[in-house]
Protein backbone atom coordinates (compact mmCIF):
# COMPACT_ATOMS: atom_id res chain seq x y z
CA UNK A 1 100.48 78.86 111.34
CA UNK A 2 97.88 79.21 108.59
CA UNK A 3 97.78 82.75 107.27
CA UNK A 4 95.04 83.75 104.81
CA UNK A 5 96.16 85.37 101.57
CA UNK A 6 94.86 88.86 102.41
CA UNK A 7 96.50 88.78 105.84
CA UNK A 8 99.81 87.78 104.24
CA UNK A 9 99.56 90.68 101.79
CA UNK A 10 98.85 93.07 104.67
CA UNK A 11 101.83 91.71 106.63
CA UNK A 12 104.14 92.20 103.66
CA UNK A 13 102.80 95.73 103.29
CA UNK A 14 103.29 96.65 106.95
CA UNK A 15 106.83 95.25 106.99
CA UNK A 16 107.72 97.18 103.84
CA UNK A 17 106.17 100.33 105.29
CA UNK A 18 108.06 100.04 108.59
CA UNK A 19 111.27 99.44 106.65
CA UNK A 20 110.92 102.78 104.83
CA UNK A 21 111.59 104.62 108.11
CA UNK A 22 114.77 106.69 108.37
CA UNK A 23 116.15 104.44 111.13
CA UNK A 24 116.23 101.47 108.72
CA UNK A 25 117.05 103.25 105.47
CA UNK A 26 119.74 105.81 104.73
CA UNK A 27 117.13 108.56 104.66
CA UNK A 28 113.37 108.31 104.58
CA UNK A 29 112.06 105.69 102.15
CA UNK A 30 108.95 107.86 101.73
CA UNK A 31 110.54 111.24 101.07
CA UNK A 32 107.75 112.65 98.91
CA UNK A 33 104.35 112.10 97.35
CA UNK A 34 105.84 110.31 94.33
CA UNK A 35 107.41 107.73 96.65
CA UNK A 36 104.08 107.27 98.43
CA UNK A 37 102.39 106.71 95.04
CA UNK A 38 105.07 104.14 94.22
CA UNK A 39 104.53 102.38 97.54
CA UNK A 40 100.74 102.31 96.98
CA UNK A 41 101.22 100.94 93.44
CA UNK A 42 103.72 98.24 94.53
CA UNK A 43 101.31 97.02 97.19
CA UNK A 44 98.19 97.31 95.02
CA UNK A 45 96.46 99.61 97.48
CA UNK A 46 93.08 100.18 95.87
CA UNK A 47 91.00 103.33 95.81
CA UNK A 48 93.94 105.74 95.86
CA UNK A 49 93.39 108.77 93.67
CA UNK A 50 95.12 112.04 94.48
CA UNK A 51 97.68 112.00 97.28
CA UNK A 52 98.74 115.13 99.15
CA UNK A 53 101.35 116.20 101.68
CA UNK A 54 98.70 115.56 104.34
CA UNK A 55 98.44 111.92 103.16
CA UNK A 56 102.22 111.57 103.22
CA UNK A 57 102.44 112.84 106.80
CA UNK A 58 99.52 110.64 107.89
CA UNK A 59 101.20 107.54 106.40
CA UNK A 60 104.47 108.42 108.15
CA UNK A 61 102.52 108.70 111.43
CA UNK A 62 100.92 105.29 110.85
CA UNK A 63 104.38 103.90 110.03
CA UNK A 64 105.67 105.13 113.39
CA UNK A 65 102.75 103.47 115.16
CA UNK A 66 103.44 100.18 113.37
CA UNK A 67 107.07 100.43 114.47
CA UNK A 68 105.86 100.76 118.08
CA UNK A 69 103.89 97.53 117.66
CA UNK A 70 107.00 95.72 116.41
CA UNK A 71 108.88 97.05 119.45
CA UNK A 72 106.15 96.16 121.96
CA UNK A 73 107.63 94.15 124.84
CA UNK A 74 104.56 91.98 125.34
CA UNK A 75 101.16 91.06 123.90
CA UNK A 76 99.21 93.38 126.22
CA UNK A 77 101.21 96.39 125.06
CA UNK A 78 100.93 95.33 121.40
CA UNK A 79 97.17 94.83 121.79
CA UNK A 80 96.71 98.32 123.20
CA UNK A 81 98.72 99.84 120.37
CA UNK A 82 96.82 97.89 117.72
CA UNK A 83 93.46 98.78 119.30
CA UNK A 84 94.22 102.50 119.24
CA UNK A 85 95.54 102.37 115.69
CA UNK A 86 92.60 100.42 114.27
CA UNK A 87 90.00 102.46 116.18
CA UNK A 88 91.47 105.73 114.91
CA UNK A 89 91.21 104.41 111.33
CA UNK A 90 87.44 104.00 111.64
CA UNK A 91 87.34 100.38 110.54
CA UNK A 92 84.38 99.22 108.49
CA UNK A 93 84.74 95.48 107.84
CA UNK A 94 83.39 94.47 104.45
CA UNK A 95 83.50 91.22 102.50
CA UNK A 96 84.87 91.63 99.00
CA UNK A 97 86.04 89.53 96.05
CA UNK A 98 88.08 91.60 93.64
CA UNK A 99 91.00 91.25 91.26
CA UNK A 100 90.56 87.50 90.97
CA UNK A 101 90.79 86.85 94.72
CA UNK A 102 88.15 84.86 96.53
CA UNK A 103 86.11 86.36 99.37
CA UNK A 104 88.11 88.16 102.00
CA UNK A 105 87.63 91.01 104.45
CA UNK A 106 88.68 94.61 103.99
CA UNK A 107 88.66 96.55 107.24
CA UNK A 108 88.79 100.06 105.81
CA UNK A 109 85.87 102.18 104.65
CA UNK A 110 85.52 102.41 100.85
CA UNK A 111 86.45 106.10 100.87
CA UNK A 112 89.26 105.78 103.43
CA UNK A 113 92.47 107.73 103.10
CA UNK A 114 95.62 105.77 102.29
CA UNK A 115 96.73 106.11 105.94
CA UNK A 116 93.40 104.79 107.27
CA UNK A 117 93.48 102.00 104.69
CA UNK A 118 96.93 100.92 105.89
CA UNK A 119 96.09 101.37 109.57
CA UNK A 120 92.90 99.30 109.31
CA UNK A 121 94.01 96.43 107.06
CA UNK A 122 97.58 96.11 108.31
CA UNK A 123 96.54 96.78 111.90
CA UNK A 124 94.07 93.91 111.75
CA UNK A 125 96.73 91.60 110.28
CA UNK A 126 98.94 92.42 113.27
CA UNK A 127 95.93 91.95 115.57
CA UNK A 128 95.54 88.37 114.34
CA UNK A 129 99.12 87.65 115.43
CA UNK A 130 98.45 89.04 118.90
CA UNK A 131 95.19 87.04 119.18
CA UNK A 132 96.99 83.86 118.10
CA UNK A 133 99.64 84.38 120.78
CA UNK A 134 102.25 84.96 118.08
CA UNK A 135 103.20 88.60 118.77
CA UNK A 136 106.83 87.59 119.26
CA UNK A 137 106.96 86.75 115.55
CA UNK A 138 106.95 90.51 114.83
CA UNK A 139 110.68 91.13 114.95
CA UNK A 140 113.62 93.32 114.07
CA UNK A 141 116.74 91.94 112.42
CA UNK A 142 119.40 90.93 114.96
CA UNK A 143 122.31 91.99 112.75
CA UNK A 144 124.08 94.82 114.59
CA UNK A 145 123.97 97.17 111.61
CA UNK A 146 120.41 96.38 110.49
CA UNK A 147 117.08 97.29 112.06
CA UNK A 148 114.73 95.98 109.37
CA UNK A 149 111.41 94.63 110.55
CA UNK A 150 110.18 91.21 109.50
CA UNK A 151 107.56 88.63 110.44
CA UNK A 152 109.09 85.33 111.49
CA UNK A 153 106.99 82.70 109.74
CA UNK A 154 109.43 79.86 110.41
CA UNK A 155 107.90 76.76 111.91
CA UNK A 156 109.91 76.95 115.14
CA UNK A 157 110.04 80.77 115.48
CA UNK A 158 113.82 80.75 115.04
CA UNK A 159 114.40 83.35 112.35
CA UNK A 160 116.83 86.02 113.54
CA UNK A 161 117.62 88.06 110.44
CA UNK A 162 115.56 90.00 107.93
CA UNK A 163 117.32 87.99 105.22
CA UNK A 164 119.40 84.87 105.62
CA UNK A 165 121.12 85.72 102.33
CA UNK A 166 122.35 89.13 103.38
CA UNK A 167 122.43 89.80 107.11
CA UNK A 168 122.49 86.16 108.23
CA UNK A 169 125.13 85.09 105.73
CA UNK A 170 127.30 88.17 106.39
CA UNK A 171 127.34 87.48 110.15
CA UNK A 172 127.99 83.76 109.70
CA UNK A 173 130.90 84.49 107.36
CA UNK A 174 132.32 87.04 109.81
CA UNK A 175 132.06 84.52 112.67
CA UNK A 176 133.73 81.84 110.54
CA UNK A 177 136.59 84.16 109.61
CA UNK A 178 137.06 85.16 113.25
CA UNK A 179 137.27 81.48 114.24
CA UNK A 180 139.78 80.80 111.45
CA UNK A 181 141.97 83.75 112.53
CA UNK A 182 141.87 82.54 116.11
CA UNK A 183 142.76 78.96 115.06
CA UNK A 184 145.78 80.06 113.00
CA UNK A 185 147.36 82.04 115.83
């Protein structure tokens, strides 16, 4: 699946945002305005000046709506969720070439709030997956003690864990040790 650079950045952003939720972290990954500033800086979210408690709550609301999209049981449900999210953000598609990147589309209005920026750009990235028939690539880690979100970009749609190094390896080692214990009895 060919994913344009700006869509990939938006996907990384939405996954990181969803993974700041209290159900994936020990506590909220966006506990305050300073954390929201840090998130915006890490993801190079442009046009962010002063952030307030209102912005923090709006981003948490958008995060919850993204989590619903990851949990959607089918494409029709995901499409409805994406449509409502993107419409509420007041999308204004614009071509832009900034920061050394070639032409790409921003879906948020130039003066959009951080929440509307995330809802529009990240919502459209998720919309492209639904349109392409790839909604099932929006997943949660299958490790029993992990609920991190991720986008399965493997060729055969077989990725099961947020990280093969941590969750995947830990479960494979546990299964191996269980087999060894059973074999030695």
